[in-house]
């Protein structure tokens, strides 16, 4: 038989173990929150609308949206980010110090010109100031442009130039009549970022000229122009790509999955690399 003293001792031991268990669970929860990473996709500078048969803009948003599962969307890229440990978020207003809190990667794609939206939101000096401060403190800014016809360059150029990356506003890597091979980029062996991708597709891109400490991360194998670059800035990193690249149509959509194209692998490699460089 257990006497009263033994019962009190057992009760105290039970309570102590439960307290330790609750403390452990709390610490794990806090660690999980600290380790969670969020990629925020800009919906402010990219705020594009479709046009109707009359040539006028209608109310249908499209192009590079997480929720868009059509060829124009980023739904597959969003799934890849989630698979690699990211939460997805969107930002419908201009970036600020307050609304970028909690964001690990801020992804800006194809800022609008007047061809794409009736009232474009341009990248202004006050936005550049906010983004420079945010990157300097450890943020990762990814800017994915487009060719000079389908993208706004005048206001985007000062943003990338602040990090030593000049947008040349040209059009390279043409592909005619679905001759996809014309727009192939080959990844060199032992690439530090694209570890599994070997051949990728980027069509009608703008090339980049680098200064300061910016470094190329994707260069055309024969023409030797840079189409993607990265620059350290304070505690953070800026990445610029001369193409929207990872939208559904070309994550092996039209390219086909059995023809040696690795845009899906490149997207996976890229998001894993972003995860690794976040401070």
Protein backbone atom coordinates (compact mmCIF):
# COMPACT_ATOMS: atom_id res chain seq x y z
CA UNK A 1 0.00 0.00 0.00
CA UNK A 2 1.14 3.56 -0.79
CA UNK A 3 1.07 5.86 2.23
CA UNK A 4 0.17 9.55 2.19
CA UNK A 5 3.80 10.72 2.06
CA UNK A 6 4.50 8.56 -0.98
CA UNK A 7 1.35 9.83 -2.70
CA UNK A 8 2.43 13.45 -2.15
CA UNK A 9 5.90 12.64 -3.52
CA UNK A 10 4.43 10.97 -6.62
CA UNK A 11 2.08 13.93 -7.19
CA UNK A 12 4.97 16.38 -6.99
CA UNK A 13 7.02 14.27 -9.39
CA UNK A 14 4.08 14.09 -11.82
CA UNK A 15 3.57 17.86 -11.69
CA UNK A 16 7.29 18.50 -12.22
CA UNK A 17 7.37 16.26 -15.31
CA UNK A 18 4.28 17.94 -16.73
CA UNK A 19 5.80 21.38 -16.17
CA UNK A 20 8.95 20.29 -17.97
CA UNK A 21 6.87 18.87 -20.82
CA UNK A 22 4.87 22.10 -21.16
CA UNK A 23 8.09 24.14 -21.10
CA UNK A 24 9.61 21.95 -23.80
CA UNK A 25 6.53 22.29 -25.98
CA UNK A 26 6.54 26.06 -25.50
CA UNK A 27 10.21 26.30 -26.49
CA UNK A 28 9.59 24.17 -29.56
CA UNK A 29 6.66 26.39 -30.50
CA UNK A 30 8.75 29.54 -30.11
CA UNK A 31 11.57 27.98 -32.15
CA UNK A 32 9.08 27.04 -34.85
CA UNK A 33 7.81 30.60 -35.05
CA UNK A 34 11.36 31.96 -35.19
CA UNK A 35 12.31 29.56 -37.95
CA UNK A 36 9.24 30.11 -40.16
CA UNK A 37 10.02 32.08 -43.32
CA UNK A 38 7.63 34.09 -45.43
CA UNK A 39 7.87 35.03 -49.09
CA UNK A 40 5.74 38.07 -49.90
CA UNK A 41 4.73 38.58 -53.53
CA UNK A 42 4.21 42.17 -54.65
CA UNK A 43 0.70 42.92 -55.94
CA UNK A 44 1.21 46.71 -55.97
CA UNK A 45 3.80 47.44 -58.65
CA UNK A 46 2.50 44.40 -60.54
CA UNK A 47 -1.24 45.12 -60.69
CA UNK A 48 -2.08 43.99 -64.20
CA UNK A 49 -5.52 43.63 -65.79
CA UNK A 50 -6.75 41.80 -68.85
CA UNK A 51 -8.25 43.64 -71.81
CA UNK A 52 -11.61 42.82 -73.33
CA UNK A 53 -12.51 42.53 -77.00
CA UNK A 54 -12.95 46.29 -77.16
CA UNK A 55 -9.33 46.81 -76.13
CA UNK A 56 -10.31 48.29 -72.76
CA UNK A 57 -9.14 47.00 -69.39
CA UNK A 58 -11.63 44.87 -67.49
CA UNK A 59 -11.62 43.89 -63.81
CA UNK A 60 -9.79 40.57 -64.20
CA UNK A 61 -6.37 40.56 -62.51
CA UNK A 62 -3.72 38.24 -63.93
CA UNK A 63 -0.02 37.63 -64.44
CA UNK A 64 2.30 36.31 -61.73
CA UNK A 65 -0.25 35.76 -58.96
CA UNK A 66 -0.03 33.00 -56.33
CA UNK A 67 -3.68 32.06 -56.84
CA UNK A 68 -3.56 32.00 -60.66
CA UNK A 69 -3.40 28.37 -61.81
CA UNK A 70 -3.45 29.29 -65.51
CA UNK A 71 -0.27 29.48 -67.59
CA UNK A 72 0.12 33.15 -66.55
CA UNK A 73 0.20 32.40 -62.82
CA UNK A 74 2.72 31.65 -60.09
CA UNK A 75 0.74 28.88 -58.40
CA UNK A 76 3.36 26.20 -59.12
CA UNK A 77 6.16 28.43 -57.85
CA UNK A 78 4.08 29.06 -54.74
CA UNK A 79 3.79 25.31 -54.16
CA UNK A 80 7.56 24.97 -54.55
CA UNK A 81 8.16 27.72 -52.01
CA UNK A 82 5.80 26.01 -49.57
CA UNK A 83 7.50 22.66 -50.09
CA UNK A 84 10.80 24.29 -49.18
CA UNK A 85 9.59 25.76 -45.91
CA UNK A 86 8.02 29.13 -46.80
CA UNK A 87 4.69 30.70 -45.98
CA UNK A 88 3.07 32.65 -48.83
CA UNK A 89 1.88 36.22 -48.49
CA UNK A 90 0.88 39.06 -50.82
CA UNK A 91 1.28 42.82 -50.51
CA UNK A 92 -1.39 44.92 -52.21
CA UNK A 93 0.07 48.27 -51.12
CA UNK A 94 3.46 49.95 -51.39
CA UNK A 95 6.18 48.38 -49.24
CA UNK A 96 6.86 50.06 -45.91
CA UNK A 97 8.96 49.31 -42.86
CA UNK A 98 5.82 48.22 -41.04
CA UNK A 99 4.22 45.96 -43.67
CA UNK A 100 7.52 44.20 -44.51
CA UNK A 101 7.92 43.01 -40.93
CA UNK A 102 7.91 39.22 -40.86
CA UNK A 103 8.80 38.97 -44.55
CA UNK A 104 11.96 37.02 -45.35
CA UNK A 105 11.80 37.34 -49.15
CA UNK A 106 10.04 40.19 -50.96
CA UNK A 107 9.39 39.15 -54.56
CA UNK A 108 8.74 41.89 -57.14
CA UNK A 109 7.83 40.72 -60.65
CA UNK A 110 7.25 42.64 -63.89
CA UNK A 111 6.39 46.15 -62.62
CA UNK A 112 3.57 47.58 -64.72
CA UNK A 113 3.66 50.08 -67.56
CA UNK A 114 0.60 51.78 -69.08
CA UNK A 115 0.17 48.88 -71.49
CA UNK A 116 -0.68 46.59 -68.60
CA UNK A 117 -2.80 48.65 -66.24
CA UNK A 118 -4.74 51.93 -66.50
CA UNK A 119 -2.99 53.46 -63.46
CA UNK A 120 0.49 52.01 -62.92
CA UNK A 121 2.07 52.21 -59.48
CA UNK A 122 5.64 53.29 -60.17
CA UNK A 123 8.68 52.52 -58.02
CA UNK A 124 9.45 55.88 -56.43
CA UNK A 125 12.45 57.17 -54.41
CA UNK A 126 10.58 56.68 -51.13
CA UNK A 127 10.03 53.00 -52.00
CA UNK A 128 13.71 52.56 -52.83
CA UNK A 129 14.65 54.08 -49.47
CA UNK A 130 12.39 51.63 -47.63
CA UNK A 131 13.69 48.62 -49.56
CA UNK A 132 17.35 49.56 -49.10
CA UNK A 133 16.87 49.81 -45.35
CA UNK A 134 14.93 46.53 -45.24
CA UNK A 135 17.61 44.67 -47.22
CA UNK A 136 20.42 46.20 -45.19
CA UNK A 137 18.78 44.81 -42.05
CA UNK A 138 18.68 41.28 -43.50
CA UNK A 139 15.85 41.07 -46.04
CA UNK A 140 16.16 39.23 -49.34
CA UNK A 141 14.78 41.24 -52.26
CA UNK A 142 14.13 39.37 -55.52
CA UNK A 143 13.31 41.47 -58.59
CA UNK A 144 12.20 39.63 -61.73
CA UNK A 145 11.90 41.88 -64.76
CA UNK A 146 10.78 41.28 -68.36
CA UNK A 147 11.64 42.48 -71.84
CA UNK A 148 11.61 46.21 -72.56
CA UNK A 149 8.15 46.15 -74.17
CA UNK A 150 6.26 44.40 -71.39
CA UNK A 151 7.79 45.97 -68.29
CA UNK A 152 8.28 49.40 -66.70
CA UNK A 153 11.99 50.27 -66.64
CA UNK A 154 12.33 53.99 -66.02
CA UNK A 155 11.41 53.75 -62.34
CA UNK A 156 12.82 50.24 -61.78
CA UNK A 157 16.32 51.15 -62.95
CA UNK A 158 17.21 53.32 -59.92
CA UNK A 159 16.14 50.49 -57.60
CA UNK A 160 18.40 47.83 -59.11
CA UNK A 161 21.21 50.35 -59.71
CA UNK A 162 21.29 51.07 -55.96
CA UNK A 163 22.69 47.55 -55.57
CA UNK A 164 25.10 47.64 -58.54
CA UNK A 165 22.81 45.95 -61.08
CA UNK A 166 21.96 47.88 -64.25
CA UNK A 167 18.94 46.91 -66.34
CA UNK A 168 20.02 47.19 -69.97
CA UNK A 169 16.41 47.40 -71.23
CA UNK A 170 17.12 45.26 -74.27
CA UNK A 171 15.50 42.07 -75.60
CA UNK A 172 17.63 38.95 -75.81
CA UNK A 173 16.99 35.22 -76.07
CA UNK A 174 14.35 35.19 -78.81
CA UNK A 175 12.51 31.98 -79.67
CA UNK A 176 10.56 31.85 -82.93
CA UNK A 177 7.72 29.43 -83.82
CA UNK A 178 8.13 27.50 -80.57
CA UNK A 179 11.74 26.71 -81.36
CA UNK A 180 12.47 26.53 -77.65
CA UNK A 181 16.13 25.60 -78.09
CA UNK A 182 16.81 29.17 -79.24
CA UNK A 183 16.11 30.35 -75.68
CA UNK A 184 18.04 27.66 -73.80
CA UNK A 185 20.52 28.51 -71.05
CA UNK A 186 22.91 25.80 -69.88
CA UNK A 187 23.90 25.62 -66.22
CA UNK A 188 27.62 24.91 -65.63
CA UNK A 189 28.64 21.91 -63.58
CA UNK A 190 28.92 22.36 -59.83
CA UNK A 191 26.86 25.55 -59.88
CA UNK A 192 26.45 26.76 -56.26
CA UNK A 193 22.78 27.71 -56.73
CA UNK A 194 21.34 25.53 -59.49
CA UNK A 195 22.57 22.22 -58.20
CA UNK A 196 20.15 19.94 -60.08
CA UNK A 197 19.03 22.02 -63.09
CA UNK A 198 21.09 21.64 -66.27
CA UNK A 199 19.10 23.32 -69.07
CA UNK A 200 16.60 26.13 -68.51
CA UNK A 201 14.38 28.35 -70.62
CA UNK A 202 14.26 32.15 -70.43
CA UNK A 203 12.62 33.88 -73.39
CA UNK A 204 12.90 37.56 -74.42
CA UNK A 205 14.84 38.80 -71.43
CA UNK A 206 16.67 41.96 -70.49
CA UNK A 207 20.40 41.61 -69.86
CA UNK A 208 22.22 43.07 -66.86
CA UNK A 209 25.45 45.03 -66.38
CA UNK A 210 27.09 44.68 -62.97
CA UNK A 211 29.13 46.95 -60.73
CA UNK A 212 29.99 47.30 -57.02
CA UNK A 213 29.87 43.82 -55.47
CA UNK A 214 27.14 42.36 -57.71
CA UNK A 215 27.96 38.91 -59.09
CA UNK A 216 26.39 36.98 -61.99
CA UNK A 217 24.38 33.88 -61.14
CA UNK A 218 23.22 32.98 -64.67
CA UNK A 219 25.15 33.81 -67.85
CA UNK A 220 24.38 32.84 -71.44
CA UNK A 221 26.77 30.10 -72.46
CA UNK A 222 27.83 31.56 -75.84
CA UNK A 223 26.81 35.24 -75.89
CA UNK A 224 28.14 35.72 -72.34
CA UNK A 225 25.56 38.26 -71.21
CA UNK A 226 24.28 38.14 -67.65
CA UNK A 227 20.57 37.46 -67.16
CA UNK A 228 20.55 36.98 -63.38
CA UNK A 229 22.73 38.47 -60.64
CA UNK A 230 22.96 38.81 -56.87
CA UNK A 231 24.47 41.42 -54.59
CA UNK A 232 25.09 41.44 -50.86
CA UNK A 233 23.89 44.62 -49.18
CA UNK A 234 24.39 44.95 -45.46
CA UNK A 235 22.99 41.81 -43.85
CA UNK A 236 20.70 41.07 -46.81
CA UNK A 237 20.82 40.13 -50.47
CA UNK A 238 19.32 41.45 -53.68
CA UNK A 239 18.67 39.17 -56.65
CA UNK A 240 17.72 40.49 -60.10
CA UNK A 241 16.56 38.30 -62.99
CA UNK A 242 15.85 39.74 -66.44
CA UNK A 243 12.72 37.60 -66.86
CA UNK A 244 9.65 36.50 -64.84
CA UNK A 245 10.99 33.00 -65.54
CA UNK A 246 9.16 30.78 -63.05
CA UNK A 247 5.53 31.26 -64.09
CA UNK A 248 3.35 28.23 -64.77
CA UNK A 249 3.69 28.28 -68.55
CA UNK A 250 7.42 27.67 -68.41
CA UNK A 251 7.81 25.48 -65.37
CA UNK A 252 7.83 22.70 -67.91
CA UNK A 253 4.28 23.49 -69.02
CA UNK A 254 4.61 24.21 -72.72
CA UNK A 255 8.13 22.85 -72.71
CA UNK A 256 7.08 19.34 -71.75
CA UNK A 257 8.49 17.22 -68.95
CA UNK A 258 10.47 14.78 -71.09
CA UNK A 259 12.52 17.06 -73.30
CA UNK A 260 15.44 17.82 -71.03
CA UNK A 261 14.10 21.13 -69.67
CA UNK A 262 14.74 21.86 -66.01
CA UNK A 263 12.81 25.02 -65.17
CA UNK A 264 11.01 23.10 -62.42
CA UNK A 265 14.32 21.93 -60.97
CA UNK A 266 15.73 25.46 -61.27
CA UNK A 267 12.77 26.87 -59.33
CA UNK A 268 13.33 24.25 -56.63
CA UNK A 269 17.08 24.95 -56.51
CA UNK A 270 16.46 28.70 -56.39
CA UNK A 271 13.98 28.60 -53.51
CA UNK A 272 16.26 26.29 -51.52
CA UNK A 273 19.12 28.72 -52.05
CA UNK A 274 16.97 31.64 -50.91
CA UNK A 275 16.06 29.69 -47.80
CA UNK A 276 19.75 29.08 -47.08
CA UNK A 277 20.86 32.72 -47.40
CA UNK A 278 18.16 34.21 -45.15
CA UNK A 279 19.69 35.54 -41.94
